Structure formats: structure tokens, C-alpha cells
């Protein structure tokens, strides 16, 4: 139910950060990466749980910290990045 809750935020970021002529490509890349994630992550999660259940949560925490820091970095930069 909450799997796509961040979709509007991602779309707003693409629209805000990309120049108008690059937005189509940006939205395409966003959609392709989302589809790849939906296909690959359950398999990757199963492999990580097989290695260590704790490792699954450690990697998730590291990923969230990376994205949080990236968002804070770009939030202060109001110029277009691409």
C-alpha cells in the first residue's frame, strides 16, 4: 500500500531539478529504475536474508542515510543540476 507513496515526491524532484528539455528522459530513467527495483529487490532481499538477517537491515539503514544526505545536499542548491 505504501510502496509508491514517495512517487509524487520523486516526480516533483525530477520536474524541479531538470531543465524542461531533459524532463522526459528524467521521468523515463525514474520509471525504468523503479521497475528494475521491483524485479530485482525481492531476489536480492532473499539472498541477503540467507546470509544474515541483520545485514538486510544494516544495508537498508546505510541506503536511507545516503539518500537523506543527498536530499539535504540538493535541497540547499536551488540551481538546476542537469
C-alpha atoms as a PDB file:
ATOM      1  CA  UNK A   1       0.000   0.000   0.000  1.00  0.00           C
ATOM      2  CA  UNK A   2       2.819   2.425   0.789  1.00  0.00           C
ATOM      3  CA  UNK A   3       5.220   1.139  -1.851  1.00  0.00           C
ATOM      4  CA  UNK A   4       4.613   4.087  -4.180  1.00  0.00           C
ATOM      5  CA  UNK A   5       3.969   6.705  -1.505  1.00  0.00           C
ATOM      6  CA  UNK A   6       7.140   8.553  -2.472  1.00  0.00           C
ATOM      7  CA  UNK A   7       6.183   8.709  -6.176  1.00  0.00           C
ATOM      8  CA  UNK A   8       4.830  12.281  -6.108  1.00  0.00           C
ATOM      9  CA  UNK A   9       7.951  13.471  -4.294  1.00  0.00           C
ATOM     10  CA  UNK A  10      10.227  11.789  -6.816  1.00  0.00           C
ATOM     11  CA  UNK A  11       8.245  13.279  -9.686  1.00  0.00           C
ATOM     12  CA  UNK A  12       8.426  16.736  -8.149  1.00  0.00           C
ATOM     13  CA  UNK A  13      12.194  16.406  -7.723  1.00  0.00           C
ATOM     14  CA  UNK A  14      12.640  15.400 -11.364  1.00  0.00           C
ATOM     15  CA  UNK A  15      10.444  18.281 -12.519  1.00  0.00           C
ATOM     16  CA  UNK A  16      12.234  20.770 -10.273  1.00  0.00           C
ATOM     17  CA  UNK A  17      15.836  19.730 -10.857  1.00  0.00           C
ATOM     18  CA  UNK A  18      15.852  19.041 -14.590  1.00  0.00           C
ATOM     19  CA  UNK A  19      15.582  21.522 -17.407  1.00  0.00           C
ATOM     20  CA  UNK A  20      12.365  21.246 -19.416  1.00  0.00           C
ATOM     21  CA  UNK A  21      14.005  19.582 -22.417  1.00  0.00           C
ATOM     22  CA  UNK A  22      15.555  16.883 -20.178  1.00  0.00           C
ATOM     23  CA  UNK A  23      12.434  16.037 -18.131  1.00  0.00           C
ATOM     24  CA  UNK A  24      11.166  13.326 -20.468  1.00  0.00           C
ATOM     25  CA  UNK A  25      14.452  11.465 -20.140  1.00  0.00           C
ATOM     26  CA  UNK A  26      14.476  12.068 -16.389  1.00  0.00           C
ATOM     27  CA  UNK A  27      10.993  10.635 -15.913  1.00  0.00           C
ATOM     28  CA  UNK A  28      11.916   7.698 -18.144  1.00  0.00           C
ATOM     29  CA  UNK A  29      15.008   6.918 -16.095  1.00  0.00           C
ATOM     30  CA  UNK A  30      12.955   7.218 -12.905  1.00  0.00           C
ATOM     31  CA  UNK A  31      10.363   4.750 -14.215  1.00  0.00           C
ATOM     32  CA  UNK A  32      12.926   2.252 -15.517  1.00  0.00           C
ATOM     33  CA  UNK A  33      14.841   2.311 -12.234  1.00  0.00           C
ATOM     34  CA  UNK A  34      11.592   1.782 -10.328  1.00  0.00           C
ATOM     35  CA  UNK A  35      10.720  -1.241 -12.477  1.00  0.00           C
ATOM     36  CA  UNK A  36      14.203  -2.720 -12.108  1.00  0.00           C
ATOM     37  CA  UNK A  37      13.897  -2.305  -8.348  1.00  0.00           C
ATOM     38  CA  UNK A  38      10.527  -4.076  -8.245  1.00  0.00           C
ATOM     39  CA  UNK A  39      12.010  -7.033 -10.147  1.00  0.00           C
ATOM     40  CA  UNK A  40      15.426  -7.361  -8.502  1.00  0.00           C
ATOM     41  CA  UNK A  41      14.977  -6.339  -4.873  1.00  0.00           C
ATOM     42  CA  UNK A  42      12.900  -9.319  -3.703  1.00  0.00           C
ATOM     43  CA  UNK A  43      15.587 -11.656  -5.047  1.00  0.00           C
ATOM     44  CA  UNK A  44      18.369  -9.576  -3.504  1.00  0.00           C
ATOM     45  CA  UNK A  45      16.500  -9.421  -0.194  1.00  0.00           C
ATOM     46  CA  UNK A  46      16.120 -13.199  -0.151  1.00  0.00           C
ATOM     47  CA  UNK A  47      19.846 -13.634  -0.786  1.00  0.00           C
ATOM     48  CA  UNK A  48      20.747 -11.173   1.986  1.00  0.00           C
ATOM     49  CA  UNK A  49      18.409 -12.873   4.463  1.00  0.00           C
ATOM     50  CA  UNK A  50      20.123 -16.158   3.601  1.00  0.00           C
ATOM     51  CA  UNK A  51      23.474 -14.616   4.534  1.00  0.00           C
ATOM     52  CA  UNK A  52      22.398 -12.607   7.566  1.00  0.00           C
ATOM     53  CA  UNK A  53      19.050 -11.181   8.603  1.00  0.00           C
ATOM     54  CA  UNK A  54      20.834  -8.326  10.378  1.00  0.00           C
ATOM     55  CA  UNK A  55      22.785  -7.482   7.202  1.00  0.00           C
ATOM     56  CA  UNK A  56      19.493  -6.747   5.442  1.00  0.00           C
ATOM     57  CA  UNK A  57      18.646  -4.037   7.980  1.00  0.00           C
ATOM     58  CA  UNK A  58      22.184  -2.634   8.124  1.00  0.00           C
ATOM     59  CA  UNK A  59      22.284  -2.144   4.349  1.00  0.00           C
ATOM     60  CA  UNK A  60      18.809  -0.602   4.401  1.00  0.00           C
ATOM     61  CA  UNK A  61      19.892   1.882   7.092  1.00  0.00           C
ATOM     62  CA  UNK A  62      23.013   2.817   5.107  1.00  0.00           C
ATOM     63  CA  UNK A  63      20.931   3.365   1.973  1.00  0.00           C
ATOM     64  CA  UNK A  64      18.453   5.591   3.795  1.00  0.00           C
ATOM     65  CA  UNK A  65      21.281   7.655   5.296  1.00  0.00           C
ATOM     66  CA  UNK A  66      22.816   8.114   1.847  1.00  0.00           C
ATOM     67  CA  UNK A  67      19.537   9.294   0.317  1.00  0.00           C
ATOM     68  CA  UNK A  68      18.792  11.565   3.270  1.00  0.00           C
ATOM     69  CA  UNK A  69      22.216  13.209   2.982  1.00  0.00           C
ATOM     70  CA  UNK A  70      21.800  13.570  -0.790  1.00  0.00           C
ATOM     71  CA  UNK A  71      18.405  15.206  -0.344  1.00  0.00           C
ATOM     72  CA  UNK A  72      19.785  17.679   2.192  1.00  0.00           C
ATOM     73  CA  UNK A  73      22.689  18.462  -0.132  1.00  0.00           C
ATOM     74  CA  UNK A  74      20.435  19.185  -3.106  1.00  0.00           C
ATOM     75  CA  UNK A  75      17.781  20.992  -1.064  1.00  0.00           C
ATOM     76  CA  UNK A  76      20.193  23.850  -0.428  1.00  0.00           C
ATOM     77  CA  UNK A  77      21.153  24.038  -4.089  1.00  0.00           C
ATOM     78  CA  UNK A  78      18.349  25.773  -5.988  1.00  0.00           C
ATOM     79  CA  UNK A  79      20.116  25.693  -9.356  1.00  0.00           C
ATOM     80  CA  UNK A  80      19.318  23.103 -11.988  1.00  0.00           C
ATOM     81  CA  UNK A  81      21.747  20.198 -11.869  1.00  0.00           C
ATOM     82  CA  UNK A  82      21.440  18.785 -15.401  1.00  0.00           C
END
